[in-house]
Each structure stands twice: as structure tokens, then as C-alpha cells.
């Protein structure tokens, strides 16, 4: 069960918005990721993502996508920072 404080981060939407903010094309992004454009559209639909892939995406777009999860953790009782 999902705790009541938890709001789902739709990481694919955040990646898509950042790509659009940078005015980069899906083709450009697919080339940087060494994948097909269809894979990029699949990433945009994801609510969660593998951390290694998220690290690659963060590096390519020069944007720390992990920050959204850190913000979410700060609302948790067990987060000590």
C-alpha cells in the first residue's frame, strides 16, 4: 500500500518536459541514448525508470532528475537529512 504522503512522480513526463524546455528533438535524444525513437516515446510513458538509465538521461540533458525523488523523500519520517 502507498503511504498517504507519497505522490507518484511520473518521471517520463518530467523527462519529456525537460527535453521540450531545451528545445531538443526526440531524434536527437534517441541518438544520444543510442536507441530508437520508439524507445524514447516509451520512456515518456514511464512512471518509474531504472536508475542507471536515469543517470544516463540526467547526464545527456544536464539535469538532475534524481532531485524529484529527493524532494519526495524529504517529506518522509525516515529521511534524516
C-alpha atoms as a PDB file:
ATOM      1  CA  UNK A   1       0.000   0.000   0.000  1.00  0.00           C
ATOM      2  CA  UNK A   2       1.242   3.502  -0.835  1.00  0.00           C
ATOM      3  CA  UNK A   3       1.652   5.755   2.220  1.00  0.00           C
ATOM      4  CA  UNK A   4      -0.647   8.820   2.205  1.00  0.00           C
ATOM      5  CA  UNK A   5       2.275  11.299   1.962  1.00  0.00           C
ATOM      6  CA  UNK A   6       3.553   9.719  -1.236  1.00  0.00           C
ATOM      7  CA  UNK A   7       2.759  11.418  -4.529  1.00  0.00           C
ATOM      8  CA  UNK A   8       3.634   9.487  -7.643  1.00  0.00           C
ATOM      9  CA  UNK A   9       6.400  11.050  -9.668  1.00  0.00           C
ATOM     10  CA  UNK A  10       5.796  10.446 -13.373  1.00  0.00           C
ATOM     11  CA  UNK A  11       9.427  10.530 -14.420  1.00  0.00           C
ATOM     12  CA  UNK A  12       8.659  10.078 -18.115  1.00  0.00           C
ATOM     13  CA  UNK A  13       6.608  13.255 -18.180  1.00  0.00           C
ATOM     14  CA  UNK A  14       9.392  15.146 -16.399  1.00  0.00           C
ATOM     15  CA  UNK A  15      11.962  13.909 -18.919  1.00  0.00           C
ATOM     16  CA  UNK A  16       9.715  14.891 -21.836  1.00  0.00           C
ATOM     17  CA  UNK A  17       9.134  18.371 -20.373  1.00  0.00           C
ATOM     18  CA  UNK A  18      12.860  18.913 -19.880  1.00  0.00           C
ATOM     19  CA  UNK A  19      13.610  17.788 -23.436  1.00  0.00           C
ATOM     20  CA  UNK A  20      10.990  20.248 -24.708  1.00  0.00           C
ATOM     21  CA  UNK A  21      12.311  23.017 -22.449  1.00  0.00           C
ATOM     22  CA  UNK A  22      15.736  22.531 -24.020  1.00  0.00           C
ATOM     23  CA  UNK A  23      14.130  22.548 -27.474  1.00  0.00           C
ATOM     24  CA  UNK A  24      15.736  19.205 -28.308  1.00  0.00           C
ATOM     25  CA  UNK A  25      14.174  16.719 -30.691  1.00  0.00           C
ATOM     26  CA  UNK A  26      13.229  13.142 -29.930  1.00  0.00           C
ATOM     27  CA  UNK A  27      15.623  12.085 -32.700  1.00  0.00           C
ATOM     28  CA  UNK A  28      18.497  13.968 -31.039  1.00  0.00           C
ATOM     29  CA  UNK A  29      17.688  12.356 -27.702  1.00  0.00           C
ATOM     30  CA  UNK A  30      17.403   8.875 -29.220  1.00  0.00           C
ATOM     31  CA  UNK A  31      20.805   9.296 -30.877  1.00  0.00           C
ATOM     32  CA  UNK A  32      22.364  10.363 -27.572  1.00  0.00           C
ATOM     33  CA  UNK A  33      20.793   7.370 -25.806  1.00  0.00           C
ATOM     34  CA  UNK A  34      21.834   5.046 -28.664  1.00  0.00           C
ATOM     35  CA  UNK A  35      18.290   3.793 -29.138  1.00  0.00           C
ATOM     36  CA  UNK A  36      15.338   4.092 -31.487  1.00  0.00           C
ATOM     37  CA  UNK A  37      12.835   6.953 -31.309  1.00  0.00           C
ATOM     38  CA  UNK A  38      10.142   4.467 -30.292  1.00  0.00           C
ATOM     39  CA  UNK A  39      12.152   3.699 -27.143  1.00  0.00           C
ATOM     40  CA  UNK A  40      12.187   7.400 -26.272  1.00  0.00           C
ATOM     41  CA  UNK A  41       8.407   7.576 -26.581  1.00  0.00           C
ATOM     42  CA  UNK A  42       8.263   4.528 -24.307  1.00  0.00           C
ATOM     43  CA  UNK A  43      10.400   6.371 -21.733  1.00  0.00           C
ATOM     44  CA  UNK A  44       7.968   9.305 -21.812  1.00  0.00           C
ATOM     45  CA  UNK A  45       5.154   6.930 -20.762  1.00  0.00           C
ATOM     46  CA  UNK A  46       7.017   5.501 -17.756  1.00  0.00           C
ATOM     47  CA  UNK A  47       6.046   6.275 -14.191  1.00  0.00           C
ATOM     48  CA  UNK A  48       9.285   4.694 -12.959  1.00  0.00           C
ATOM     49  CA  UNK A  49      12.678   4.063 -14.501  1.00  0.00           C
ATOM     50  CA  UNK A  50      15.878   2.120 -13.899  1.00  0.00           C
ATOM     51  CA  UNK A  51      18.414   4.225 -12.004  1.00  0.00           C
ATOM     52  CA  UNK A  52      21.248   3.511 -14.460  1.00  0.00           C
ATOM     53  CA  UNK A  53      19.092   4.757 -17.335  1.00  0.00           C
ATOM     54  CA  UNK A  54      18.010   7.788 -15.316  1.00  0.00           C
ATOM     55  CA  UNK A  55      21.664   8.587 -14.644  1.00  0.00           C
ATOM     56  CA  UNK A  56      22.407   8.444 -18.393  1.00  0.00           C
ATOM     57  CA  UNK A  57      19.425  10.667 -19.157  1.00  0.00           C
ATOM     58  CA  UNK A  58      20.446  13.132 -16.445  1.00  0.00           C
ATOM     59  CA  UNK A  59      23.928  13.298 -17.928  1.00  0.00           C
ATOM     60  CA  UNK A  60      22.695  13.757 -21.506  1.00  0.00           C
ATOM     61  CA  UNK A  61      20.233  16.505 -20.583  1.00  0.00           C
ATOM     62  CA  UNK A  62      22.464  18.043 -17.889  1.00  0.00           C
ATOM     63  CA  UNK A  63      19.532  17.858 -15.490  1.00  0.00           C
ATOM     64  CA  UNK A  64      19.405  16.038 -12.155  1.00  0.00           C
ATOM     65  CA  UNK A  65      16.197  14.006 -12.364  1.00  0.00           C
ATOM     66  CA  UNK A  66      17.001  12.397  -9.009  1.00  0.00           C
ATOM     67  CA  UNK A  67      16.138  15.717  -7.336  1.00  0.00           C
ATOM     68  CA  UNK A  68      12.428  14.962  -7.676  1.00  0.00           C
ATOM     69  CA  UNK A  69      12.831  11.786  -5.634  1.00  0.00           C
ATOM     70  CA  UNK A  70      14.944  13.571  -3.008  1.00  0.00           C
ATOM     71  CA  UNK A  71      12.202  16.175  -2.587  1.00  0.00           C
ATOM     72  CA  UNK A  72       9.707  13.359  -2.131  1.00  0.00           C
ATOM     73  CA  UNK A  73      11.933  11.677   0.471  1.00  0.00           C
ATOM     74  CA  UNK A  74      12.221  14.884   2.489  1.00  0.00           C
ATOM     75  CA  UNK A  75       8.540  14.516   3.274  1.00  0.00           C
ATOM     76  CA  UNK A  76       9.131  11.065   4.803  1.00  0.00           C
ATOM     77  CA  UNK A  77       9.599  10.485   8.534  1.00  0.00           C
ATOM     78  CA  UNK A  78      12.609   8.250   7.954  1.00  0.00           C
ATOM     79  CA  UNK A  79      14.583  10.808   5.931  1.00  0.00           C
ATOM     80  CA  UNK A  80      17.307  12.117   8.228  1.00  0.00           C
ATOM     81  CA  UNK A  81      18.920  14.918   6.199  1.00  0.00           C
END
